[in-house]
Amino acid sequence: MDYVDYEDYTPDNATENNNITTEQLNFKSSHSSLSHVLVAVNIIILTIGLGGNSLVIWICGWKMKRTVITTWYISLAISDFLFCGFLPLEVFYMITSHWPFGLVLCKLTSSALFLNMYSRVFLLVLISADRCMIISFPVWSHNHRTVRRAFGVVVLMWVLSALLTLPSLIFRQTIVHGSVTQCYTSYRDDSRHKAVVLTRFICGFLIPFLIIVFCSLVLCVKLRGLTIKSTKPYKVMVVLILTFFFCWVPYHIFVLLESDLKNHSLEVLQAGLKVGTTLAAANSLISPFLYAFIGNDFKQILKRSLTSRMEDAMAEEIRTGGLNHSKCKSMEII
């Protein structure tokens, strides 16, 4: 992943100050206590993220009725699952400071974080706008809000996210230092670096977040005079938005500071970017917990599905016992 943009200084930006390259290489090769903690956190993220988002995809995709809302949440889970799928490669790189997986995976792993960032924030915009439309224009929403159209919008969202992720595919490179291979970002000059950073901040955070805030304010005003059956879908939406904000703000702050390296400490930026990117990665394991603890429908379907699986497994075990009376009991269980 463009996991820490301090790698942007290697080796291109070393032309101004060769000491930066030496410091950066030494920093990456050292296993500080912070690095150990972040490695452990990332292992937890990928383990829970893969398992939890797989469960969300299974429940929302096959066990629940397909609706516009489940379409949004399945897309969120797929985005998080894809990101967590590449995370083991980054964890290996964090531990060894060596990238043996080749240039293609270097580019794809780098792009996974930003594809997740763009797709997630765009989906949050869609969820917020969708809720806003339901409350503000109920008749129009009833006539035009369909799963097919929601799926089409999601496809467009993925295409836009992929286009905005292209800088990671273009500028990510590998370089060999003796027996060690590094996966790093090569922007060639500061203007490209700043352009990419500002694009990510404006398109991947600032504009979407302003739209989300506007939709949320409209919702608050509209909901004051209405009586609705359940506020839990809105609670899920609010918590998703807040967690995205708090998980991504530190990353964007340190990336913006990084674009003005001369006025800031390299070591502080390196540590801050590591922590900020780990917080951003943590956003991928939060959604399954929200669905499980806040969504009653999700909890009930999950409980029924797991109970059914256990009953099937127990019945199968009894059937293979070889006793006639056990076979009769298994038929009762089924």
C-alpha atoms as a PDB file:
ATOM      1  CA  MET A   1       0.000   0.000   0.000  1.00  0.00           C
ATOM      2  CA  ASP A   2       1.112   3.527  -0.287  1.00  0.00           C
ATOM      3  CA  TYR A   3       1.130   2.572   3.274  1.00  0.00           C
ATOM      4  CA  VAL A   4       3.447   5.240   4.387  1.00  0.00           C
ATOM      5  CA  ASP A   5       4.114   8.009   1.977  1.00  0.00           C
ATOM      6  CA  TYR A   6       7.521   8.606   3.555  1.00  0.00           C
ATOM      7  CA  GLU A   7       8.604   6.011   1.021  1.00  0.00           C
ATOM      8  CA  ASP A   8       8.087   8.760  -1.540  1.00  0.00           C
ATOM      9  CA  TYR A   9      11.521  10.030  -0.606  1.00  0.00           C
ATOM     10  CA  THR A  10      13.224   6.894  -1.875  1.00  0.00           C
ATOM     11  CA  PRO A  11      15.154   7.106  -4.040  1.00  0.00           C
ATOM     12  CA  ASP A  12      14.050  10.085  -6.151  1.00  0.00           C
ATOM     13  CA  ASN A  13      13.853  12.771  -3.494  1.00  0.00           C
ATOM     14  CA  ALA A  14      17.268  11.872  -2.175  1.00  0.00           C
ATOM     15  CA  THR A  15      18.909  14.086  -4.759  1.00  0.00           C
ATOM     16  CA  GLU A  16      18.558  17.114  -2.491  1.00  0.00           C
ATOM     17  CA  ASN A  17      19.732  15.410   0.677  1.00  0.00           C
ATOM     18  CA  ASN A  18      21.390  11.981   0.620  1.00  0.00           C
ATOM     19  CA  ASN A  19      21.040  11.734   4.396  1.00  0.00           C
ATOM     20  CA  ILE A  20      17.254  11.384   3.988  1.00  0.00           C
ATOM     21  CA  THR A  21      17.690   8.142   2.083  1.00  0.00           C
ATOM     22  CA  THR A  22      20.039   6.754   4.719  1.00  0.00           C
ATOM     23  CA  GLU A  23      17.719   7.746   7.563  1.00  0.00           C
ATOM     24  CA  GLN A  24      14.733   6.293   5.765  1.00  0.00           C
ATOM     25  CA  LEU A  25      16.440   2.947   5.130  1.00  0.00           C
ATOM     26  CA  ASN A  26      17.633   2.746   8.730  1.00  0.00           C
ATOM     27  CA  PHE A  27      14.172   3.614   9.999  1.00  0.00           C
ATOM     28  CA  LYS A  28      12.510   0.894   7.912  1.00  0.00           C
ATOM     29  CA  SER A  29      15.045  -1.765   8.950  1.00  0.00           C
ATOM     30  CA  SER A  30      14.722  -1.078  12.666  1.00  0.00           C
ATOM     31  CA  HIS A  31      12.064  -2.993  14.621  1.00  0.00           C
ATOM     32  CA  SER A  32      10.929  -0.407  17.117  1.00  0.00           C
ATOM     33  CA  SER A  33       8.273  -0.997  19.718  1.00  0.00           C
ATOM     34  CA  LEU A  34       5.865   1.087  17.654  1.00  0.00           C
ATOM     35  CA  SER A  35       6.441  -1.135  14.627  1.00  0.00           C
ATOM     36  CA  HIS A  36       5.779  -4.264  16.686  1.00  0.00           C
ATOM     37  CA  VAL A  37       2.544  -2.825  18.012  1.00  0.00           C
ATOM     38  CA  LEU A  38       1.396  -1.783  14.539  1.00  0.00           C
ATOM     39  CA  VAL A  39       2.229  -5.209  13.104  1.00  0.00           C
ATOM     40  CA  ALA A  40       0.132  -6.845  15.824  1.00  0.00           C
ATOM     41  CA  VAL A  41      -2.738  -4.427  15.194  1.00  0.00           C
ATOM     42  CA  ASN A  42      -2.623  -5.081  11.450  1.00  0.00           C
ATOM     43  CA  ILE A  43      -2.719  -8.842  12.024  1.00  0.00           C
ATOM     44  CA  ILE A  44      -5.848  -8.350  14.149  1.00  0.00           C
ATOM     45  CA  ILE A  45      -7.344  -6.112  11.450  1.00  0.00           C
ATOM     46  CA  LEU A  46      -6.796  -8.603   8.636  1.00  0.00           C
ATOM     47  CA  THR A  47      -8.034 -11.576  10.707  1.00  0.00           C
ATOM     48  CA  ILE A  48     -11.216  -9.945  11.951  1.00  0.00           C
ATOM     49  CA  GLY A  49     -11.685  -7.968   8.726  1.00  0.00           C
ATOM     50  CA  LEU A  50     -11.588 -11.030   6.480  1.00  0.00           C
ATOM     51  CA  GLY A  51     -13.838 -13.080   8.751  1.00  0.00           C
ATOM     52  CA  GLY A  52     -16.286 -10.321   9.632  1.00  0.00           C
ATOM     53  CA  ASN A  53     -16.728  -8.947   6.132  1.00  0.00           C
ATOM     54  CA  SER A  54     -17.086 -12.456   4.696  1.00  0.00           C
ATOM     55  CA  LEU A  55     -19.919 -12.952   7.160  1.00  0.00           C
ATOM     56  CA  VAL A  56     -21.564  -9.664   6.140  1.00  0.00           C
ATOM     57  CA  ILE A  57     -21.320 -10.582   2.442  1.00  0.00           C
ATOM     58  CA  TRP A  58     -22.814 -14.006   3.157  1.00  0.00           C
ATOM     59  CA  ILE A  59     -25.672 -12.732   5.325  1.00  0.00           C
ATOM     60  CA  CYS A  60     -26.577  -9.655   3.255  1.00  0.00           C
ATOM     61  CA  GLY A  61     -25.954 -11.360  -0.085  1.00  0.00           C
ATOM     62  CA  TRP A  62     -27.624 -14.734   0.420  1.00  0.00           C
ATOM     63  CA  LYS A  63     -29.686 -14.721   3.605  1.00  0.00           C
ATOM     64  CA  MET A  64     -31.367 -11.314   3.593  1.00  0.00           C
ATOM     65  CA  LYS A  65     -33.817  -9.925   1.088  1.00  0.00           C
ATOM     66  CA  ARG A  66     -32.003  -7.837  -1.521  1.00  0.00           C
ATOM     67  CA  THR A  67     -32.839  -4.170  -0.987  1.00  0.00           C
ATOM     68  CA  VAL A  68     -31.194  -0.862  -1.797  1.00  0.00           C
ATOM     69  CA  ILE A  69     -29.731  -0.679   1.722  1.00  0.00           C
ATOM     70  CA  THR A  70     -28.289  -4.210   1.610  1.00  0.00           C
ATOM     71  CA  THR A  71     -26.796  -3.325  -1.803  1.00  0.00           C
ATOM     72  CA  TRP A  72     -24.913  -0.416  -0.204  1.00  0.00           C
ATOM     73  CA  TYR A  73     -23.724  -2.533   2.738  1.00  0.00           C
ATOM     74  CA  ILE A  74     -22.649  -5.495   0.578  1.00  0.00           C
ATOM     75  CA  SER A  75     -20.541  -3.084  -1.469  1.00  0.00           C
ATOM     76  CA  LEU A  76     -18.958  -1.706   1.712  1.00  0.00           C
ATOM     77  CA  ALA A  77     -18.164  -5.232   2.887  1.00  0.00           C
ATOM     78  CA  ILE A  78     -16.660  -6.189  -0.505  1.00  0.00           C
ATOM     79  CA  SER A  79     -14.467  -3.070  -0.430  1.00  0.00           C
ATOM     80  CA  ASP A  80     -13.222  -3.899   3.069  1.00  0.00           C
ATOM     81  CA  PHE A  81     -12.738  -7.581   2.215  1.00  0.00           C
ATOM     82  CA  LEU A  82     -10.598  -6.785  -0.846  1.00  0.00           C
ATOM     83  CA  PHE A  83      -8.433  -4.456   1.207  1.00  0.00           C
ATOM     84  CA  CYS A  84      -7.963  -7.023   3.996  1.00  0.00           C
ATOM     85  CA  GLY A  85      -7.095  -9.633   1.357  1.00  0.00           C
ATOM     86  CA  PHE A  86      -3.954  -7.686   0.405  1.00  0.00           C
ATOM     87  CA  LEU A  87      -3.061  -6.754   3.981  1.00  0.00           C
ATOM     88  CA  PRO A  88      -1.018  -9.930   4.739  1.00  0.00           C
ATOM     89  CA  LEU A  89       1.511  -8.873   2.080  1.00  0.00           C
ATOM     90  CA  GLU A  90       1.905  -5.487   3.739  1.00  0.00           C
ATOM     91  CA  VAL A  91       2.270  -7.091   7.173  1.00  0.00           C
ATOM     92  CA  PHE A  92       5.062  -9.283   5.794  1.00  0.00           C
ATOM     93  CA  TYR A  93       6.744  -6.173   4.378  1.00  0.00           C
ATOM     94  CA  MET A  94       6.411  -4.345   7.701  1.00  0.00           C
ATOM     95  CA  ILE A  95       8.097  -7.261   9.501  1.00  0.00           C
ATOM     96  CA  THR A  96      10.924  -7.967   7.053  1.00  0.00           C
ATOM     97  CA  SER A  97      11.406  -4.647   5.165  1.00  0.00           C
ATOM     98  CA  HIS A  98      11.773  -6.874   2.082  1.00  0.00           C
ATOM     99  CA  TRP A  99       9.302  -7.144  -0.837  1.00  0.00           C
ATOM    100  CA  PRO A 100       9.679 -10.498  -2.654  1.00  0.00           C
ATOM    101  CA  PHE A 101       6.253 -10.420  -4.350  1.00  0.00           C
ATOM    102  CA  GLY A 102       7.145  -8.516  -7.523  1.00  0.00           C
ATOM    103  CA  LEU A 103       6.147  -5.218  -9.116  1.00  0.00           C
ATOM    104  CA  VAL A 104       2.524  -6.136  -9.950  1.00  0.00           C
ATOM    105  CA  LEU A 105       1.624  -7.010  -6.356  1.00  0.00           C
ATOM    106  CA  CYS A 106       3.565  -3.964  -5.174  1.00  0.00           C
ATOM    107  CA  LYS A 107       1.276  -1.780  -7.264  1.00  0.00           C
ATOM    108  CA  LEU A 108      -1.921  -3.677  -6.358  1.00  0.00           C
ATOM    109  CA  THR A 109      -1.204  -3.787  -2.636  1.00  0.00           C
ATOM    110  CA  SER A 110      -0.453  -0.088  -2.638  1.00  0.00           C
ATOM    111  CA  SER A 111      -3.690   0.614  -4.508  1.00  0.00           C
ATOM    112  CA  ALA A 112      -5.854  -1.497  -2.192  1.00  0.00           C
ATOM    113  CA  LEU A 113      -5.885   1.098   0.598  1.00  0.00           C
ATOM    114  CA  PHE A 114      -6.896   3.955  -1.695  1.00  0.00           C
ATOM    115  CA  LEU A 115      -9.462   1.915  -3.586  1.00  0.00           C
ATOM    116  CA  ASN A 116     -10.964   1.126  -0.194  1.00  0.00           C
ATOM    117  CA  MET A 117     -10.798   4.796   0.839  1.00  0.00           C
ATOM    118  CA  TYR A 118     -12.533   6.106  -2.284  1.00  0.00           C
ATOM    119  CA  SER A 119     -15.140   3.348  -2.550  1.00  0.00           C
ATOM    120  CA  ARG A 120     -15.992   3.551   1.150  1.00  0.00           C
ATOM    121  CA  VAL A 121     -16.416   7.329   1.269  1.00  0.00           C
ATOM    122  CA  PHE A 122     -18.401   7.342  -1.996  1.00  0.00           C
ATOM    123  CA  LEU A 123     -20.672   4.627  -0.595  1.00  0.00           C
ATOM    124  CA  LEU A 124     -21.171   6.687   2.551  1.00  0.00           C
ATOM    125  CA  VAL A 125     -22.166   9.598   0.323  1.00  0.00           C
ATOM    126  CA  LEU A 126     -24.648   7.321  -1.461  1.00  0.00           C
ATOM    127  CA  ILE A 127     -26.082   6.046   1.822  1.00  0.00           C
ATOM    128  CA  SER A 128     -26.437   9.575   3.191  1.00  0.00           C
ATOM    129  CA  ALA A 129     -27.995  10.908  -0.017  1.00  0.00           C
ATOM    130  CA  ASP A 130     -30.314   7.904  -0.205  1.00  0.00           C
ATOM    131  CA  ARG A 131     -31.599   8.457   3.337  1.00  0.00           C
ATOM    132  CA  CYS A 132     -31.976  12.136   2.629  1.00  0.00           C
ATOM    133  CA  MET A 133     -34.040  11.445  -0.506  1.00  0.00           C
ATOM    134  CA  ILE A 134     -36.289   8.978   1.320  1.00  0.00           C
ATOM    135  CA  ILE A 135     -37.169  11.569   3.951  1.00  0.00           C
ATOM    136  CA  SER A 136     -37.324  14.618   1.664  1.00  0.00           C
ATOM    137  CA  PHE A 137     -39.027  13.047  -1.379  1.00  0.00           C
ATOM    138  CA  PRO A 138     -40.857   9.907  -0.190  1.00  0.00           C
ATOM    139  CA  VAL A 139     -43.161   9.575  -3.221  1.00  0.00           C
ATOM    140  CA  TRP A 140     -40.344   9.991  -5.742  1.00  0.00           C
ATOM    141  CA  SER A 141     -38.179   7.528  -3.786  1.00  0.00           C
ATOM    142  CA  HIS A 142     -40.966   4.956  -3.694  1.00  0.00           C
ATOM    143  CA  ASN A 143     -41.339   5.132  -7.491  1.00  0.00           C
ATOM    144  CA  HIS A 144     -37.698   5.372  -8.552  1.00  0.00           C
ATOM    145  CA  ARG A 145     -35.612   3.817  -5.760  1.00  0.00           C
ATOM    146  CA  THR A 146     -34.927   0.279  -7.017  1.00  0.00           C
ATOM    147  CA  VAL A 147     -32.255  -2.347  -6.401  1.00  0.00           C
ATOM    148  CA  ARG A 148     -31.344  -2.378 -10.099  1.00  0.00           C
ATOM    149  CA  ARG A 149     -30.658   1.353 -10.123  1.00  0.00           C
ATOM    150  CA  ALA A 150     -28.745   1.112  -6.861  1.00  0.00           C
ATOM    151  CA  PHE A 151     -26.560  -1.609  -8.404  1.00  0.00           C
ATOM    152  CA  GLY A 152     -25.906   0.615 -11.426  1.00  0.00           C
ATOM    153  CA  VAL A 153     -24.867   3.503  -9.181  1.00  0.00           C
ATOM    154  CA  VAL A 154     -22.549   1.177  -7.247  1.00  0.00           C
ATOM    155  CA  VAL A 155     -20.874   0.067 -10.495  1.00  0.00           C
ATOM    156  CA  LEU A 156     -20.275   3.712 -11.450  1.00  0.00           C
ATOM    157  CA  MET A 157     -18.888   4.340  -7.968  1.00  0.00           C
ATOM    158  CA  TRP A 158     -16.396   1.478  -8.363  1.00  0.00           C
ATOM    159  CA  VAL A 159     -15.298   2.770 -11.782  1.00  0.00           C
ATOM    160  CA  LEU A 160     -14.721   6.277 -10.375  1.00  0.00           C
ATOM    161  CA  SER A 161     -12.840   4.841  -7.371  1.00  0.00           C
ATOM    162  CA  ALA A 162     -10.609   2.780  -9.676  1.00  0.00           C
ATOM    163  CA  LEU A 163      -9.808   5.831 -11.829  1.00  0.00           C
ATOM    164  CA  LEU A 164      -8.844   7.893  -8.776  1.00  0.00           C
ATOM    165  CA  THR A 165      -6.644   5.020  -7.575  1.00  0.00           C
ATOM    166  CA  LEU A 166      -4.577   5.025 -10.789  1.00  0.00           C
ATOM    167  CA  PRO A 167      -1.736   7.168  -9.334  1.00  0.00           C
ATOM    168  CA  SER A 168      -0.851   4.292  -7.004  1.00  0.00           C
ATOM    169  CA  LEU A 169      -0.648   1.898  -9.956  1.00  0.00           C
ATOM    170  CA  ILE A 170       1.398   4.347 -11.996  1.00  0.00           C
ATOM    171  CA  PHE A 171       3.894   5.662  -9.452  1.00  0.00           C
ATOM    172  CA  ARG A 172       4.504   2.599  -7.286  1.00  0.00           C
ATOM    173  CA  GLN A 173       7.824   0.916  -8.102  1.00  0.00           C
ATOM    174  CA  THR A 174      10.298  -1.627  -6.733  1.00  0.00           C
ATOM    175  CA  ILE A 175      14.037  -1.157  -6.230  1.00  0.00           C
ATOM    176  CA  VAL A 176      16.753  -3.596  -5.147  1.00  0.00           C
ATOM    177  CA  HIS A 177      19.314  -2.726  -2.445  1.00  0.00           C
ATOM    178  CA  GLY A 178      21.657  -5.735  -2.373  1.00  0.00           C
ATOM    179  CA  SER A 179      19.540  -8.682  -1.248  1.00  0.00           C
ATOM    180  CA  VAL A 180      16.619  -6.479  -0.148  1.00  0.00           C
ATOM    181  CA  THR A 181      13.827  -5.335  -2.471  1.00  0.00           C
ATOM    182  CA  GLN A 182      11.758  -2.309  -1.556  1.00  0.00           C
ATOM    183  CA  CYS A 183       8.281  -1.337  -2.719  1.00  0.00           C
ATOM    184  CA  TYR A 184       8.138   2.451  -2.819  1.00  0.00           C
ATOM    185  CA  THR A 185       6.418   5.422  -4.489  1.00  0.00           C
ATOM    186  CA  SER A 186       8.289   7.363  -7.162  1.00  0.00           C
ATOM    187  CA  TYR A 187       6.571  10.646  -8.053  1.00  0.00           C
ATOM    188  CA  ARG A 188       9.690  11.976  -9.838  1.00  0.00           C
ATOM    189  CA  ASP A 189       9.039  15.561  -8.692  1.00  0.00           C
ATOM    190  CA  ASP A 190       7.346  17.473  -5.878  1.00  0.00           C
ATOM    191  CA  SER A 191       4.581  18.918  -8.072  1.00  0.00           C
ATOM    192  CA  ARG A 192       3.238  15.452  -8.907  1.00  0.00           C
ATOM    193  CA  HIS A 193       3.511  14.436  -5.276  1.00  0.00           C
ATOM    194  CA  LYS A 194       1.519  17.453  -4.081  1.00  0.00           C
ATOM    195  CA  ALA A 195      -1.052  17.032  -6.870  1.00  0.00           C
ATOM    196  CA  VAL A 196      -1.731  13.419  -5.859  1.00  0.00           C
ATOM    197  CA  VAL A 197      -1.910  14.282  -2.149  1.00  0.00           C
ATOM    198  CA  LEU A 198      -4.330  17.166  -2.726  1.00  0.00           C
ATOM    199  CA  THR A 199      -6.484  15.080  -5.086  1.00  0.00           C
ATOM    200  CA  ARG A 200      -6.790  12.337  -2.487  1.00  0.00           C
ATOM    201  CA  PHE A 201      -7.643  14.807   0.241  1.00  0.00           C
ATOM    202  CA  ILE A 202     -10.169  16.823  -1.797  1.00  0.00           C
ATOM    203  CA  CYS A 203     -11.838  13.976  -3.739  1.00  0.00           C
ATOM    204  CA  GLY A 204     -11.428  11.228  -1.153  1.00  0.00           C
ATOM    205  CA  PHE A 205     -12.268  13.181   1.978  1.00  0.00           C
ATOM    206  CA  LEU A 206     -13.150  16.881   1.891  1.00  0.00           C
ATOM    207  CA  ILE A 207     -15.870  17.074  -0.791  1.00  0.00           C
ATOM    208  CA  PRO A 208     -17.538  13.755   0.146  1.00  0.00           C
ATOM    209  CA  PHE A 209     -17.513  14.668   3.825  1.00  0.00           C
ATOM    210  CA  LEU A 210     -19.093  18.064   3.158  1.00  0.00           C
ATOM    211  CA  ILE A 211     -21.848  16.337   1.149  1.00  0.00           C
ATOM    212  CA  ILE A 212     -22.376  13.853   3.976  1.00  0.00           C
ATOM    213  CA  VAL A 213     -22.585  16.659   6.563  1.00  0.00           C
ATOM    214  CA  PHE A 214     -25.126  18.521   4.401  1.00  0.00           C
ATOM    215  CA  CYS A 215     -27.279  15.380   4.001  1.00  0.00           C
ATOM    216  CA  SER A 216     -27.045  14.716   7.733  1.00  0.00           C
ATOM    217  CA  LEU A 217     -28.194  18.250   8.570  1.00  0.00           C
ATOM    218  CA  VAL A 218     -31.153  17.895   6.189  1.00  0.00           C
ATOM    219  CA  LEU A 219     -32.023  14.583   7.833  1.00  0.00           C
ATOM    220  CA  CYS A 220     -31.899  16.105  11.313  1.00  0.00           C
ATOM    221  CA  VAL A 221     -34.239  18.918  10.278  1.00  0.00           C
ATOM    222  CA  LYS A 222     -36.684  16.578   8.505  1.00  0.00           C
ATOM    223  CA  LEU A 223     -36.745  13.917  11.226  1.00  0.00           C
ATOM    224  CA  ARG A 224     -37.746  16.399  13.924  1.00  0.00           C
ATOM    225  CA  GLY A 225     -41.284  16.608  12.571  1.00  0.00           C
ATOM    226  CA  LEU A 226     -41.686  12.945  11.643  1.00  0.00           C
ATOM    227  CA  THR A 227     -42.517   9.762  13.485  1.00  0.00           C
ATOM    228  CA  ILE A 228     -40.575   6.799  12.149  1.00  0.00           C
ATOM    229  CA  LYS A 229     -40.769   3.137  13.128  1.00  0.00           C
ATOM    230  CA  SER A 230     -37.054   2.615  13.749  1.00  0.00           C
ATOM    231  CA  THR A 231     -34.049   4.895  14.008  1.00  0.00           C
ATOM    232  CA  LYS A 232     -31.510   2.055  13.861  1.00  0.00           C
ATOM    233  CA  PRO A 233     -30.722   2.436  10.120  1.00  0.00           C
ATOM    234  CA  TYR A 234     -29.874   6.063  10.821  1.00  0.00           C
ATOM    235  CA  LYS A 235     -27.737   5.080  13.802  1.00  0.00           C
ATOM    236  CA  VAL A 236     -25.757   2.698  11.595  1.00  0.00           C
ATOM    237  CA  MET A 237     -25.276   5.472   9.047  1.00  0.00           C
ATOM    238  CA  VAL A 238     -24.145   7.998  11.669  1.00  0.00           C
ATOM    239  CA  VAL A 239     -21.649   5.597  13.266  1.00  0.00           C
ATOM    240  CA  LEU A 240     -20.263   4.582   9.845  1.00  0.00           C
ATOM    241  CA  ILE A 241     -19.687   8.245   8.997  1.00  0.00           C
ATOM    242  CA  LEU A 242     -18.089   9.073  12.358  1.00  0.00           C
ATOM    243  CA  THR A 243     -15.767   6.065  12.281  1.00  0.00           C
ATOM    244  CA  PHE A 244     -14.664   6.896   8.733  1.00  0.00           C
ATOM    245  CA  PHE A 245     -13.939  10.474   9.812  1.00  0.00           C
ATOM    246  CA  PHE A 246     -11.886   9.564  12.901  1.00  0.00           C
ATOM    247  CA  CYS A 247     -10.033   6.724  11.143  1.00  0.00           C
ATOM    248  CA  TRP A 248      -8.970   8.801   8.130  1.00  0.00           C
ATOM    249  CA  VAL A 249      -8.372  12.302   9.555  1.00  0.00           C
ATOM    250  CA  PRO A 250      -4.948  11.428  11.102  1.00  0.00           C
ATOM    251  CA  TYR A 251      -3.745   9.925   7.824  1.00  0.00           C
ATOM    252  CA  HIS A 252      -4.722  12.954   5.756  1.00  0.00           C
ATOM    253  CA  ILE A 253      -3.201  15.345   8.306  1.00  0.00           C
ATOM    254  CA  PHE A 254       0.195  13.642   8.196  1.00  0.00           C
ATOM    255  CA  VAL A 255       0.126  13.258   4.399  1.00  0.00           C
ATOM    256  CA  LEU A 256      -0.528  16.982   4.014  1.00  0.00           C
ATOM    257  CA  LEU A 257       2.288  17.734   6.455  1.00  0.00           C
ATOM    258  CA  GLU A 258       4.536  15.364   4.539  1.00  0.00           C
ATOM    259  CA  SER A 259       4.136  17.447   1.370  1.00  0.00           C
ATOM    260  CA  ASP A 260       6.007  20.214   3.221  1.00  0.00           C
ATOM    261  CA  LEU A 261       8.874  18.080   4.509  1.00  0.00           C
ATOM    262  CA  LYS A 262      11.372  20.919   5.023  1.00  0.00           C
ATOM    263  CA  ASN A 263       9.347  22.387   7.899  1.00  0.00           C
ATOM    264  CA  HIS A 264       8.655  19.135   9.746  1.00  0.00           C
ATOM    265  CA  SER A 265      10.595  16.318  11.360  1.00  0.00           C
ATOM    266  CA  LEU A 266      11.045  13.298   9.082  1.00  0.00           C
ATOM    267  CA  GLU A 267      10.970  10.874  12.022  1.00  0.00           C
ATOM    268  CA  VAL A 268       7.708  12.320  13.365  1.00  0.00           C
ATOM    269  CA  LEU A 269       6.091  12.149   9.922  1.00  0.00           C
ATOM    270  CA  GLN A 270       7.229   8.559   9.457  1.00  0.00           C
ATOM    271  CA  ALA A 271       5.752   7.479  12.791  1.00  0.00           C
ATOM    272  CA  GLY A 272       2.599   9.529  12.260  1.00  0.00           C
ATOM    273  CA  LEU A 273       1.992   8.092   8.806  1.00  0.00           C
ATOM    274  CA  LYS A 274       2.413   4.552  10.106  1.00  0.00           C
ATOM    275  CA  VAL A 275      -0.101   5.150  12.878  1.00  0.00           C
ATOM    276  CA  GLY A 276      -2.450   7.069  10.570  1.00  0.00           C
ATOM    277  CA  THR A 277      -2.453   4.349   7.934  1.00  0.00           C
ATOM    278  CA  THR A 278      -3.068   1.654  10.542  1.00  0.00           C
ATOM    279  CA  LEU A 279      -6.058   3.639  11.814  1.00  0.00           C
ATOM    280  CA  ALA A 280      -7.310   3.910   8.240  1.00  0.00           C
ATOM    281  CA  ALA A 281      -6.925   0.150   7.856  1.00  0.00           C
ATOM    282  CA  ALA A 282      -8.864  -0.378  11.095  1.00  0.00           C
ATOM    283  CA  ASN A 283     -11.891   1.163   9.416  1.00  0.00           C
ATOM    284  CA  SER A 284     -12.270  -2.112   7.481  1.00  0.00           C
ATOM    285  CA  LEU A 285     -13.126  -4.190  10.553  1.00  0.00           C
ATOM    286  CA  ILE A 286     -15.608  -1.779  12.147  1.00  0.00           C
ATOM    287  CA  SER A 287     -18.568  -2.270   9.808  1.00  0.00           C
ATOM    288  CA  PRO A 288     -19.273  -5.947  10.678  1.00  0.00           C
ATOM    289  CA  PHE A 289     -19.505  -5.024  14.369  1.00  0.00           C
ATOM    290  CA  LEU A 290     -21.951  -2.224  13.582  1.00  0.00           C
ATOM    291  CA  TYR A 291     -24.232  -4.542  11.640  1.00  0.00           C
ATOM    292  CA  ALA A 292     -24.028  -7.230  14.336  1.00  0.00           C
ATOM    293  CA  PHE A 293     -24.654  -5.001  17.349  1.00  0.00           C
ATOM    294  CA  ILE A 294     -26.975  -2.366  15.900  1.00  0.00           C
ATOM    295  CA  GLY A 295     -28.962  -4.171  13.213  1.00  0.00           C
ATOM    296  CA  ASN A 296     -31.634  -6.409  14.672  1.00  0.00           C
ATOM    297  CA  ASP A 297     -32.465  -8.016  11.310  1.00  0.00           C
ATOM    298  CA  PHE A 298     -28.806  -8.878  10.762  1.00  0.00           C
ATOM    299  CA  LYS A 299     -28.496 -10.383  14.243  1.00  0.00           C
ATOM    300  CA  GLN A 300     -31.655 -12.463  13.912  1.00  0.00           C
ATOM    301  CA  ILE A 301     -30.751 -13.819  10.466  1.00  0.00           C
ATOM    302  CA  LEU A 302     -27.195 -14.542  11.609  1.00  0.00           C
ATOM    303  CA  LYS A 303     -28.480 -16.407  14.669  1.00  0.00           C
ATOM    304  CA  ARG A 304     -30.958 -18.422  12.597  1.00  0.00           C
ATOM    305  CA  SER A 305     -28.322 -19.227   9.975  1.00  0.00           C
ATOM    306  CA  LEU A 306     -25.737 -20.382  12.518  1.00  0.00           C
ATOM    307  CA  THR A 307     -28.341 -22.402  14.421  1.00  0.00           C
ATOM    308  CA  SER A 308     -29.455 -24.037  11.198  1.00  0.00           C
ATOM    309  CA  ARG A 309     -25.856 -24.894  10.282  1.00  0.00           C
ATOM    310  CA  MET A 310     -25.258 -26.432  13.716  1.00  0.00           C
ATOM    311  CA  GLU A 311     -28.442 -28.463  13.504  1.00  0.00           C
ATOM    312  CA  ASP A 312     -27.466 -29.741  10.049  1.00  0.00           C
ATOM    313  CA  ALA A 313     -24.002 -30.693  11.297  1.00  0.00           C
ATOM    314  CA  MET A 314     -25.429 -32.500  14.332  1.00  0.00           C
ATOM    315  CA  ALA A 315     -27.972 -34.300  12.178  1.00  0.00           C
ATOM    316  CA  GLU A 316     -25.251 -35.410   9.777  1.00  0.00           C
ATOM    317  CA  GLU A 317     -23.170 -36.747  12.670  1.00  0.00           C
ATOM    318  CA  ILE A 318     -26.111 -38.718  14.015  1.00  0.00           C
ATOM    319  CA  ARG A 319     -26.946 -40.108  10.569  1.00  0.00           C
ATOM    320  CA  THR A 320     -23.404 -41.446  10.164  1.00  0.00           C
ATOM    321  CA  GLY A 321     -23.517 -43.184  13.540  1.00  0.00           C
ATOM    322  CA  GLY A 322     -24.667 -46.451  11.990  1.00  0.00           C
ATOM    323  CA  LEU A 323     -27.542 -47.111  14.406  1.00  0.00           C
ATOM    324  CA  ASN A 324     -31.154 -47.318  13.290  1.00  0.00           C
ATOM    325  CA  HIS A 325     -32.500 -45.414  16.258  1.00  0.00           C
ATOM    326  CA  SER A 326     -29.929 -42.691  15.600  1.00  0.00           C
ATOM    327  CA  LYS A 327     -31.207 -42.408  12.040  1.00  0.00           C
ATOM    328  CA  CYS A 328     -34.721 -41.892  13.340  1.00  0.00           C
ATOM    329  CA  LYS A 329     -33.551 -39.156  15.673  1.00  0.00           C
ATOM    330  CA  SER A 330     -31.693 -37.460  12.853  1.00  0.00           C
ATOM    331  CA  MET A 331     -34.887 -37.324  10.845  1.00  0.00           C
ATOM    332  CA  GLU A 332     -36.585 -35.628  13.763  1.00  0.00           C
ATOM    333  CA  ILE A 333     -33.858 -33.001  13.946  1.00  0.00           C
ATOM    334  CA  ILE A 334     -34.144 -32.273  10.234  1.00  0.00           C
END
